[in-house]
PDB file of N, CA and C in Angstrom:
ATOM      1  N   MET A   1     120.719 -23.197   2.246  1.00  0.00           N
ATOM      2  CA  MET A   1     120.613 -22.781   3.640  1.00  0.00           C
ATOM      3  C   MET A   1     121.530 -23.668   4.472  1.00  0.00           C
ATOM      4  N   LYS A   2     122.231 -23.033   5.392  1.00  0.00           N
ATOM      5  CA  LYS A   2     123.205 -23.785   6.177  1.00  0.00           C
ATOM      6  C   LYS A   2     122.620 -24.469   7.406  1.00  0.00           C
ATOM      7  N   TYR A   3     121.352 -24.187   7.719  1.00  0.00           N
ATOM      8  CA  TYR A   3     120.708 -24.782   8.889  1.00  0.00           C
ATOM      9  C   TYR A   3     119.577 -25.694   8.442  1.00  0.00           C
ATOM     10  N   LYS A   4     119.523 -26.883   9.016  1.00  0.00           N
ATOM     11  CA  LYS A   4     118.505 -27.850   8.613  1.00  0.00           C
ATOM     12  C   LYS A   4     117.183 -27.659   9.353  1.00  0.00           C
ATOM     13  N   ASN A   5     117.237 -27.190  10.598  1.00  0.00           N
ATOM     14  CA  ASN A   5     116.006 -26.950  11.349  1.00  0.00           C
ATOM     15  C   ASN A   5     116.198 -25.788  12.319  1.00  0.00           C
ATOM     16  N   GLN A   6     115.121 -25.391  12.934  1.00  0.00           N
ATOM     17  CA  GLN A   6     115.112 -24.218  13.810  1.00  0.00           C
ATOM     18  C   GLN A   6     116.108 -24.346  14.961  1.00  0.00           C
ATOM     19  N   GLU A   7     116.261 -25.517  15.514  1.00  0.00           N
ATOM     20  CA  GLU A   7     117.150 -25.713  16.653  1.00  0.00           C
ATOM     21  C   GLU A   7     118.621 -25.580  16.272  1.00  0.00           C
ATOM     22  N   ASP A   8     118.949 -25.727  14.985  1.00  0.00           N
ATOM     23  CA  ASP A   8     120.332 -25.579  14.528  1.00  0.00           C
ATOM     24  C   ASP A   8     120.759 -24.115  14.425  1.00  0.00           C
ATOM     25  N   LEU A   9     119.788 -23.212  14.404  1.00  0.00           N
ATOM     26  CA  LEU A   9     120.096 -21.787  14.294  1.00  0.00           C
ATOM     27  C   LEU A   9     120.760 -21.282  15.570  1.00  0.00           C
ATOM     28  N   PRO A  10     121.568 -20.226  15.464  1.00  0.00           N
ATOM     29  CA  PRO A  10     122.149 -19.647  16.682  1.00  0.00           C
ATOM     30  C   PRO A  10     121.061 -19.070  17.588  1.00  0.00           C
ATOM     31  N   ILE A  11     121.345 -18.936  18.855  1.00  0.00           N
ATOM     32  CA  ILE A  11     120.364 -18.417  19.814  1.00  0.00           C
ATOM     33  C   ILE A  11     119.970 -16.985  19.468  1.00  0.00           C
ATOM     34  N   PHE A  12     120.927 -16.180  18.998  1.00  0.00           N
ATOM     35  CA  PHE A  12     120.643 -14.817  18.559  1.00  0.00           C
ATOM     36  C   PHE A  12     120.882 -14.719  17.061  1.00  0.00           C
ATOM     37  N   LEU A  13     119.864 -14.279  16.333  1.00  0.00           N
ATOM     38  CA  LEU A  13     119.943 -14.162  14.879  1.00  0.00           C
ATOM     39  C   LEU A  13     120.393 -12.766  14.470  1.00  0.00           C
ATOM     40  N   THR A  14     121.151 -12.708  13.387  1.00  0.00           N
ATOM     41  CA  THR A  14     121.591 -11.441  12.810  1.00  0.00           C
ATOM     42  C   THR A  14     120.679 -11.083  11.638  1.00  0.00           C
ATOM     43  N   ALA A  15     120.873  -9.893  11.097  1.00  0.00           N
ATOM     44  CA  ALA A  15     120.124  -9.491   9.902  1.00  0.00           C
ATOM     45  C   ALA A  15     120.425 -10.448   8.750  1.00  0.00           C
ATOM     46  N   GLY A  16     121.654 -10.916   8.664  1.00  0.00           N
ATOM     47  CA  GLY A  16     122.017 -11.878   7.627  1.00  0.00           C
ATOM     48  C   GLY A  16     121.262 -13.190   7.767  1.00  0.00           C
ATOM     49  N   ASP A  17     121.122 -13.666   9.000  1.00  0.00           N
ATOM     50  CA  ASP A  17     120.358 -14.896   9.246  1.00  0.00           C
ATOM     51  C   ASP A  17     118.898 -14.707   8.840  1.00  0.00           C
ATOM     52  N   ILE A  18     118.324 -13.571   9.226  1.00  0.00           N
ATOM     53  CA  ILE A  18     116.921 -13.292   8.913  1.00  0.00           C
ATOM     54  C   ILE A  18     116.723 -13.178   7.407  1.00  0.00           C
ATOM     55  N   ALA A  19     117.666 -12.498   6.741  1.00  0.00           N
ATOM     56  CA  ALA A  19     117.589 -12.364   5.285  1.00  0.00           C
ATOM     57  C   ALA A  19     117.599 -13.737   4.617  1.00  0.00           C
ATOM     58  N   GLU A  20     118.468 -14.603   5.085  1.00  0.00           N
ATOM     59  CA  GLU A  20     118.557 -15.953   4.521  1.00  0.00           C
ATOM     60  C   GLU A  20     117.280 -16.755   4.790  1.00  0.00           C
ATOM     61  N   LEU A  21     116.760 -16.680   6.003  1.00  0.00           N
ATOM     62  CA  LEU A  21     115.555 -17.428   6.366  1.00  0.00           C
ATOM     63  C   LEU A  21     114.332 -16.984   5.575  1.00  0.00           C
ATOM     64  N   LEU A  22     114.191 -15.662   5.399  1.00  0.00           N
ATOM     65  CA  LEU A  22     113.001 -15.119   4.741  1.00  0.00           C
ATOM     66  C   LEU A  22     113.194 -14.896   3.243  1.00  0.00           C
ATOM     67  N   LYS A  23     114.407 -15.190   2.752  1.00  0.00           N
ATOM     68  CA  LYS A  23     114.723 -14.998   1.322  1.00  0.00           C
ATOM     69  C   LYS A  23     114.513 -13.543   0.913  1.00  0.00           C
ATOM     70  N   ILE A  24     115.059 -12.632   1.733  1.00  0.00           N
ATOM     71  CA  ILE A  24     114.999 -11.203   1.439  1.00  0.00           C
ATOM     72  C   ILE A  24     116.426 -10.658   1.488  1.00  0.00           C
ATOM     73  N   SER A  25     116.598  -9.432   1.036  1.00  0.00           N
ATOM     74  CA  SER A  25     117.927  -8.819   1.079  1.00  0.00           C
ATOM     75  C   SER A  25     118.283  -8.432   2.517  1.00  0.00           C
ATOM     76  N   LYS A  26     119.565  -8.270   2.748  1.00  0.00           N
ATOM     77  CA  LYS A  26     120.016  -7.863   4.076  1.00  0.00           C
ATOM     78  C   LYS A  26     119.501  -6.463   4.440  1.00  0.00           C
ATOM     79  N   PRO A  27     119.495  -5.488   3.501  1.00  0.00           N
ATOM     80  CA  PRO A  27     118.902  -4.188   3.850  1.00  0.00           C
ATOM     81  C   PRO A  27     117.418  -4.290   4.227  1.00  0.00           C
ATOM     82  N   LYS A  28     116.665  -5.166   3.553  1.00  0.00           N
ATOM     83  CA  LYS A  28     115.250  -5.373   3.908  1.00  0.00           C
ATOM     84  C   LYS A  28     115.138  -5.991   5.300  1.00  0.00           C
ATOM     85  N   ALA A  29     116.059  -6.886   5.635  1.00  0.00           N
ATOM     86  CA  ALA A  29     116.050  -7.494   6.971  1.00  0.00           C
ATOM     87  C   ALA A  29     116.279  -6.423   8.038  1.00  0.00           C
ATOM     88  N   TYR A  30     117.180  -5.479   7.764  1.00  0.00           N
ATOM     89  CA  TYR A  30     117.404  -4.378   8.715  1.00  0.00           C
ATOM     90  C   TYR A  30     116.157  -3.513   8.851  1.00  0.00           C
ATOM     91  N   GLU A  31     115.469  -3.251   7.736  1.00  0.00           N
ATOM     92  CA  GLU A  31     114.204  -2.494   7.792  1.00  0.00           C
ATOM     93  C   GLU A  31     113.197  -3.212   8.683  1.00  0.00           C
ATOM     94  N   LEU A  32     113.086  -4.515   8.488  1.00  0.00           N
ATOM     95  CA  LEU A  32     112.162  -5.329   9.269  1.00  0.00           C
ATOM     96  C   LEU A  32     112.502  -5.258  10.758  1.00  0.00           C
ATOM     97  N   MET A  33     113.788  -5.330  11.067  1.00  0.00           N
ATOM     98  CA  MET A  33     114.230  -5.317  12.457  1.00  0.00           C
ATOM     99  C   MET A  33     113.933  -3.985  13.150  1.00  0.00           C
ATOM    100  N   LYS A  34     113.788  -2.914  12.375  1.00  0.00           N
ATOM    101  CA  LYS A  34     113.523  -1.588  12.937  1.00  0.00           C
ATOM    102  C   LYS A  34     112.032  -1.304  13.110  1.00  0.00           C
ATOM    103  N   GLN A  35     111.172  -2.216  12.659  1.00  0.00           N
ATOM    104  CA  GLN A  35     109.726  -2.009  12.768  1.00  0.00           C
ATOM    105  C   GLN A  35     109.261  -2.117  14.219  1.00  0.00           C
ATOM    106  N   ASP A  36     108.210  -1.354  14.532  1.00  0.00           N
ATOM    107  CA  ASP A  36     107.590  -1.464  15.853  1.00  0.00           C
ATOM    108  C   ASP A  36     107.075  -2.887  16.050  1.00  0.00           C
ATOM    109  N   GLY A  37     107.269  -3.414  17.230  1.00  0.00           N
ATOM    110  CA  GLY A  37     106.777  -4.744  17.545  1.00  0.00           C
ATOM    111  C   GLY A  37     107.776  -5.855  17.276  1.00  0.00           C
ATOM    112  N   PHE A  38     108.856  -5.551  16.542  1.00  0.00           N
ATOM    113  CA  PHE A  38     109.874  -6.571  16.281  1.00  0.00           C
ATOM    114  C   PHE A  38     110.691  -6.769  17.556  1.00  0.00           C
ATOM    115  N   PRO A  39     110.947  -8.018  17.951  1.00  0.00           N
ATOM    116  CA  PRO A  39     111.636  -8.283  19.226  1.00  0.00           C
ATOM    117  C   PRO A  39     113.153  -8.062  19.153  1.00  0.00           C
ATOM    118  N   LEU A  40     113.545  -6.860  18.861  1.00  0.00           N
ATOM    119  CA  LEU A  40     114.944  -6.494  18.650  1.00  0.00           C
ATOM    120  C   LEU A  40     115.716  -6.391  19.962  1.00  0.00           C
ATOM    121  N   ILE A  41     116.951  -6.880  19.921  1.00  0.00           N
ATOM    122  CA  ILE A  41     117.895  -6.709  21.021  1.00  0.00           C
ATOM    123  C   ILE A  41     119.093  -5.973  20.428  1.00  0.00           C
ATOM    124  N   GLN A  42     119.482  -4.868  21.055  1.00  0.00           N
ATOM    125  CA  GLN A  42     120.638  -4.126  20.566  1.00  0.00           C
ATOM    126  C   GLN A  42     121.765  -4.171  21.583  1.00  0.00           C
ATOM    127  N   PHE A  43     122.957  -4.458  21.065  1.00  0.00           N
ATOM    128  CA  PHE A  43     124.191  -4.424  21.845  1.00  0.00           C
ATOM    129  C   PHE A  43     125.043  -3.328  21.206  1.00  0.00           C
ATOM    130  N   GLY A  44     124.917  -2.108  21.700  1.00  0.00           N
ATOM    131  CA  GLY A  44     125.578  -0.984  21.029  1.00  0.00           C
ATOM    132  C   GLY A  44     124.931  -0.783  19.672  1.00  0.00           C
ATOM    133  N   ARG A  45     125.720  -0.865  18.605  1.00  0.00           N
ATOM    134  CA  ARG A  45     125.174  -0.730  17.250  1.00  0.00           C
ATOM    135  C   ARG A  45     124.778  -2.080  16.646  1.00  0.00           C
ATOM    136  N   SER A  46     125.087  -3.156  17.325  1.00  0.00           N
ATOM    137  CA  SER A  46     124.801  -4.499  16.833  1.00  0.00           C
ATOM    138  C   SER A  46     123.342  -4.870  17.097  1.00  0.00           C
ATOM    139  N   MET A  47     122.650  -5.310  16.050  1.00  0.00           N
ATOM    140  CA  MET A  47     121.234  -5.670  16.157  1.00  0.00           C
ATOM    141  C   MET A  47     121.086  -7.188  16.095  1.00  0.00           C
ATOM    142  N   ARG A  48     120.354  -7.738  17.044  1.00  0.00           N
ATOM    143  CA  ARG A  48     120.106  -9.177  17.103  1.00  0.00           C
ATOM    144  C   ARG A  48     118.661  -9.408  17.508  1.00  0.00           C
ATOM    145  N   VAL A  49     118.221 -10.653  17.318  1.00  0.00           N
ATOM    146  CA  VAL A  49     116.906 -11.068  17.792  1.00  0.00           C
ATOM    147  C   VAL A  49     117.042 -12.501  18.304  1.00  0.00           C
ATOM    148  N   SER A  50     116.382 -12.774  19.401  1.00  0.00           N
ATOM    149  CA  SER A  50     116.366 -14.134  19.935  1.00  0.00           C
ATOM    150  C   SER A  50     115.678 -15.046  18.923  1.00  0.00           C
ATOM    151  N   ARG A  51     116.275 -16.178  18.672  1.00  0.00           N
ATOM    152  CA  ARG A  51     115.712 -17.147  17.722  1.00  0.00           C
ATOM    153  C   ARG A  51     114.271 -17.479  18.079  1.00  0.00           C
ATOM    154  N   ASP A  52     114.006 -17.790  19.348  1.00  0.00           N
ATOM    155  CA  ASP A  52     112.659 -18.189  19.757  1.00  0.00           C
ATOM    156  C   ASP A  52     111.671 -17.032  19.629  1.00  0.00           C
ATOM    157  N   GLU A  53     112.101 -15.821  20.015  1.00  0.00           N
ATOM    158  CA  GLU A  53     111.233 -14.648  19.901  1.00  0.00           C
ATOM    159  C   GLU A  53     110.941 -14.316  18.438  1.00  0.00           C
ATOM    160  N   PHE A  54     111.927 -14.526  17.573  1.00  0.00           N
ATOM    161  CA  PHE A  54     111.723 -14.264  16.147  1.00  0.00           C
ATOM    162  C   PHE A  54     110.636 -15.178  15.581  1.00  0.00           C
ATOM    163  N   PHE A  55     110.711 -16.465  15.882  1.00  0.00           N
ATOM    164  CA  PHE A  55     109.717 -17.392  15.342  1.00  0.00           C
ATOM    165  C   PHE A  55     108.339 -17.173  15.964  1.00  0.00           C
ATOM    166  N   LEU A  56     108.292 -16.762  17.215  1.00  0.00           N
ATOM    167  CA  LEU A  56     107.020 -16.405  17.847  1.00  0.00           C
ATOM    168  C   LEU A  56     106.434 -15.172  17.157  1.00  0.00           C
ATOM    169  N   TRP A  57     107.249 -14.142  16.946  1.00  0.00           N
ATOM    170  CA  TRP A  57     106.816 -12.922  16.257  1.00  0.00           C
ATOM    171  C   TRP A  57     106.323 -13.254  14.851  1.00  0.00           C
ATOM    172  N   LEU A  58     107.055 -14.104  14.149  1.00  0.00           N
ATOM    173  CA  LEU A  58     106.689 -14.477  12.785  1.00  0.00           C
ATOM    174  C   LEU A  58     105.354 -15.218  12.757  1.00  0.00           C
ATOM    175  N   SER A  59     105.135 -16.124  13.701  1.00  0.00           N
ATOM    176  CA  SER A  59     103.867 -16.865  13.731  1.00  0.00           C
ATOM    177  C   SER A  59     102.702 -15.937  14.061  1.00  0.00           C
ATOM    178  N   GLN A  60     102.930 -14.958  14.929  1.00  0.00           N
ATOM    179  CA  GLN A  60     101.879 -13.984  15.239  1.00  0.00           C
ATOM    180  C   GLN A  60     101.594 -13.093  14.037  1.00  0.00           C
ATOM    181  N   LEU A  61     102.622 -12.752  13.292  1.00  0.00           N
ATOM    182  CA  LEU A  61     102.471 -11.927  12.095  1.00  0.00           C
ATOM    183  C   LEU A  61     101.672 -12.674  11.031  1.00  0.00           C
ATOM    184  N   GLN A  62     101.915 -13.963  10.890  1.00  0.00           N
ATOM    185  CA  GLN A  62     101.179 -14.772   9.916  1.00  0.00           C
ATOM    186  C   GLN A  62      99.701 -14.818  10.262  1.00  0.00           C
ATOM    187  N   GLY A  63      99.385 -14.827  11.534  1.00  0.00           N
ATOM    188  CA  GLY A  63      97.994 -14.870  11.969  1.00  0.00           C
ATOM    189  C   GLY A  63      97.229 -13.596  11.670  1.00  0.00           C
ATOM    190  N   THR A  64      97.961 -12.468  11.524  1.00  0.00           N
ATOM    191  CA  THR A  64      97.295 -11.197  11.246  1.00  0.00           C
ATOM    192  C   THR A  64      97.177 -10.918   9.757  1.00  0.00           C
ATOM    193  N   GLY A  65      97.872 -11.699   8.942  1.00  0.00           N
ATOM    194  CA  GLY A  65      97.809 -11.511   7.495  1.00  0.00           C
ATOM    195  C   GLY A  65      98.631 -10.344   6.984  1.00  0.00           C
ATOM    196  N   LYS A  66      99.578  -9.844   7.777  1.00  0.00           N
ATOM    197  CA  LYS A  66     100.427  -8.720   7.351  1.00  0.00           C
ATOM    198  C   LYS A  66     101.597  -9.196   6.540  1.00  0.00           C
TER     199      LYS A  66
END
């Protein structure tokens, strides 16, 4: 992994960043980003997520056991 801690990550994460963080494939990361409730930001066809919103979403997801 090229980032040592959360603050080293870019402010907006790509599907590639998410795939690397969660140890999943890039296509699976895109599937995840398209789910309801995911804090997705779209710039045209480009999909991103705020680093802070992603970790907040992930912590909430862990609390639900999904």
